[in-house]
Amino acid sequence: MPPKVAPTPHRPLRIDLRPVGQRIYDCAGYRGERGFVRLLVTPPKDLLGCDGFRLWFVAEGGVLPSCSLALERGLLTYTLPSQVCAQSESEMQLEGSVGTEIVGLSRKVKLRFGESVQGEIILLGTDAPTIAQEVSANTAARHKHPNKKVLDNHRPGDL
């Protein structure tokens, strides 16, 4: 029998994007948290006919999209990455699509993140591998395959 894996801890945050919902969510989490806040998003009624959803965040001076999200029991679930929690405030907007076409957007809401005990020291990791890590993994994979001897005899222009 395989050992039980403990579930990843998280703090749920309900966000209602219907017209009656809040526009500002104070203390959506704390600066520097990584993958701890799980959003439970209620989409607006006019986007309920969409078959695809994506959340967009203003984070670290740029715009950060979520992965594609599926509606389950009237909610969209998304765990906030560290890039969103790195600053004291972030704006969020929901995009709805049908097929590959974007058909609508929700109103924007603000997420505010409290300061942690460390003050301005924010311990950020990266939620996705860096380019250097991906290159290292690809290089390692190229040197551990059954055709190594054959392929290593060819130059890039030969193939």
Protein backbone atom coordinates (compact mmCIF):
# COMPACT_ATOMS: atom_id res chain seq x y z
CA MET A 1 0.00 0.00 0.00
CA PRO A 2 1.56 3.35 -1.03
CA PRO A 3 2.22 5.88 1.73
CA LYS A 4 -0.34 8.63 2.20
CA VAL A 5 0.68 12.00 0.83
CA ALA A 6 -0.30 14.93 3.00
CA PRO A 7 -2.38 17.53 1.14
CA THR A 8 -0.69 20.81 0.41
CA PRO A 9 -1.88 23.34 2.98
CA HIS A 10 -3.68 26.39 1.69
CA ARG A 11 -5.80 29.33 2.74
CA PRO A 12 -9.04 29.67 0.75
CA LEU A 13 -10.12 33.12 -0.44
CA ARG A 14 -13.58 33.49 -1.98
CA ILE A 15 -13.82 36.12 -4.71
CA ASP A 16 -17.23 37.04 -6.10
CA LEU A 17 -17.03 38.71 -9.51
CA ARG A 18 -20.79 39.18 -9.76
CA PRO A 19 -21.94 42.82 -9.56
CA VAL A 20 -22.77 42.56 -5.86
CA GLY A 21 -19.32 41.26 -4.88
CA GLN A 22 -16.53 43.19 -3.21
CA ARG A 23 -14.18 45.28 -5.32
CA ILE A 24 -11.25 45.27 -2.88
CA TYR A 25 -10.09 42.21 -0.96
CA ASP A 26 -7.99 43.37 1.99
CA CYS A 27 -5.56 40.84 3.35
CA ALA A 28 -5.84 38.40 0.46
CA GLY A 29 -2.69 36.89 1.91
CA TYR A 30 0.76 38.04 2.98
CA ARG A 31 3.66 39.30 0.93
CA GLY A 32 6.13 36.56 0.13
CA GLU A 33 3.70 33.63 0.30
CA ARG A 34 4.17 30.97 -2.35
CA GLY A 35 1.27 28.82 -3.47
CA PHE A 36 -0.60 29.15 -0.17
CA VAL A 37 -3.64 31.24 -1.11
CA ARG A 38 -6.23 29.31 -3.11
CA LEU A 39 -8.75 31.51 -4.90
CA LEU A 40 -12.33 30.29 -5.19
CA VAL A 41 -13.75 32.58 -7.86
CA THR A 42 -17.45 32.99 -8.67
CA PRO A 43 -17.64 34.26 -12.28
CA PRO A 44 -20.19 36.89 -13.30
CA LYS A 45 -23.45 35.60 -14.76
CA ASP A 46 -22.68 36.90 -18.27
CA LEU A 47 -19.55 34.70 -18.50
CA LEU A 48 -21.23 31.46 -17.37
CA GLY A 49 -21.77 30.35 -21.01
CA CYS A 50 -18.02 30.34 -21.67
CA ASP A 51 -16.14 27.06 -21.97
CA GLY A 52 -12.73 28.46 -20.99
CA PHE A 53 -11.49 30.85 -18.33
CA ARG A 54 -8.21 32.53 -17.43
CA LEU A 55 -7.35 34.94 -14.62
CA TRP A 56 -5.06 37.89 -15.33
CA PHE A 57 -3.02 39.67 -12.65
CA VAL A 58 -0.99 42.86 -12.62
CA ALA A 59 2.17 41.61 -10.91
CA GLU A 60 5.74 42.90 -10.61
CA GLY A 61 5.13 45.65 -13.15
CA GLY A 62 3.74 43.30 -15.79
CA VAL A 63 0.71 41.19 -16.54
CA LEU A 64 0.63 37.56 -15.43
CA PRO A 65 -1.95 35.07 -16.80
CA SER A 66 -3.12 31.96 -14.99
CA CYS A 67 -3.34 28.60 -16.70
CA SER A 68 -6.67 27.71 -18.30
CA LEU A 69 -9.31 27.14 -15.66
CA ALA A 70 -12.41 24.94 -15.71
CA LEU A 71 -15.68 25.81 -14.03
CA GLU A 72 -16.55 23.22 -11.38
CA ARG A 73 -19.72 23.54 -9.30
CA GLY A 74 -19.98 27.22 -10.21
CA LEU A 75 -16.42 28.07 -9.06
CA LEU A 76 -13.00 28.53 -10.60
CA THR A 77 -10.08 27.44 -8.41
CA TYR A 78 -6.58 28.87 -8.69
CA THR A 79 -3.58 28.92 -6.34
CA LEU A 80 -1.76 32.25 -6.31
CA PRO A 81 1.89 32.12 -7.41
CA SER A 82 4.59 34.05 -5.57
CA GLN A 83 4.78 36.70 -8.31
CA VAL A 84 1.27 37.91 -7.41
CA CYS A 85 1.96 37.94 -3.65
CA ALA A 86 5.28 39.76 -4.04
CA GLN A 87 3.80 43.23 -3.84
CA SER A 88 1.35 44.90 -1.51
CA GLU A 89 -1.43 45.08 -4.12
CA SER A 90 -2.43 43.36 -7.37
CA GLU A 91 -5.36 43.79 -9.71
CA MET A 92 -7.17 40.73 -11.05
CA GLN A 93 -9.58 40.24 -13.95
CA LEU A 94 -11.30 37.15 -15.35
CA GLU A 95 -11.34 36.40 -19.07
CA GLY A 96 -13.99 34.13 -20.58
CA SER A 97 -13.62 32.39 -23.93
CA VAL A 98 -15.54 30.14 -26.28
CA GLY A 99 -13.18 27.88 -28.17
CA THR A 100 -10.13 30.01 -28.91
CA GLU A 101 -12.01 33.32 -29.00
CA ILE A 102 -12.08 35.66 -26.00
CA VAL A 103 -15.68 36.75 -25.60
CA GLY A 104 -15.79 38.70 -22.34
CA LEU A 105 -14.05 40.10 -19.29
CA SER A 106 -15.19 40.54 -15.71
CA ARG A 107 -14.81 43.70 -13.70
CA LYS A 108 -11.41 44.15 -12.05
CA VAL A 109 -10.85 43.57 -8.35
CA LYS A 110 -7.90 44.51 -6.13
CA LEU A 111 -6.11 42.00 -3.96
CA ARG A 112 -4.16 43.51 -1.07
CA PHE A 113 -1.41 41.59 0.67
CA GLY A 114 -0.37 42.26 4.24
CA GLU A 115 3.21 42.81 5.27
CA SER A 116 4.86 39.83 6.85
CA VAL A 117 6.87 39.86 10.08
CA GLN A 118 10.05 40.07 8.02
CA GLY A 119 8.98 43.54 6.87
CA GLU A 120 10.33 44.38 3.45
CA ILE A 121 12.34 41.16 3.24
CA ILE A 122 10.38 38.97 0.86
CA LEU A 123 11.59 35.46 0.34
CA LEU A 124 10.64 34.70 -3.23
CA GLY A 125 11.25 31.43 -4.88
CA THR A 126 10.19 30.75 -8.36
CA ASP A 127 7.11 28.73 -9.08
CA ALA A 128 8.33 27.77 -12.53
CA PRO A 129 11.78 26.57 -13.52
CA THR A 130 14.18 29.26 -14.67
CA ILE A 131 15.60 29.16 -18.18
CA ALA A 132 18.93 27.97 -16.73
CA GLN A 133 17.16 25.10 -14.94
CA GLU A 134 15.31 24.10 -18.12
CA VAL A 135 18.54 24.16 -20.17
CA SER A 136 20.30 22.04 -17.54
CA ALA A 137 17.44 19.53 -17.54
CA ASN A 138 17.44 19.34 -21.35
CA THR A 139 21.22 18.93 -21.44
CA ALA A 140 21.03 16.15 -18.85
CA ALA A 141 18.27 14.42 -20.85
CA ARG A 142 20.36 14.52 -24.03
CA HIS A 143 23.16 12.69 -22.23
CA LYS A 144 21.04 9.88 -20.80
CA HIS A 145 19.29 8.28 -23.75
CA PRO A 146 19.81 4.91 -25.47
CA ASN A 147 20.97 6.50 -28.77
CA LYS A 148 23.63 8.65 -27.10
CA LYS A 149 26.60 7.15 -28.96
CA VAL A 150 24.88 7.48 -32.36
CA LEU A 151 23.52 10.98 -31.87
CA ASP A 152 26.65 12.38 -30.22
CA ASN A 153 28.59 11.56 -33.41
CA HIS A 154 26.44 14.02 -35.37
CA ARG A 155 26.78 17.78 -35.46
CA PRO A 156 23.66 20.01 -35.42
CA GLY A 157 24.04 20.68 -39.17
CA ASP A 158 24.24 16.95 -39.97
CA LEU A 159 20.73 16.08 -38.80
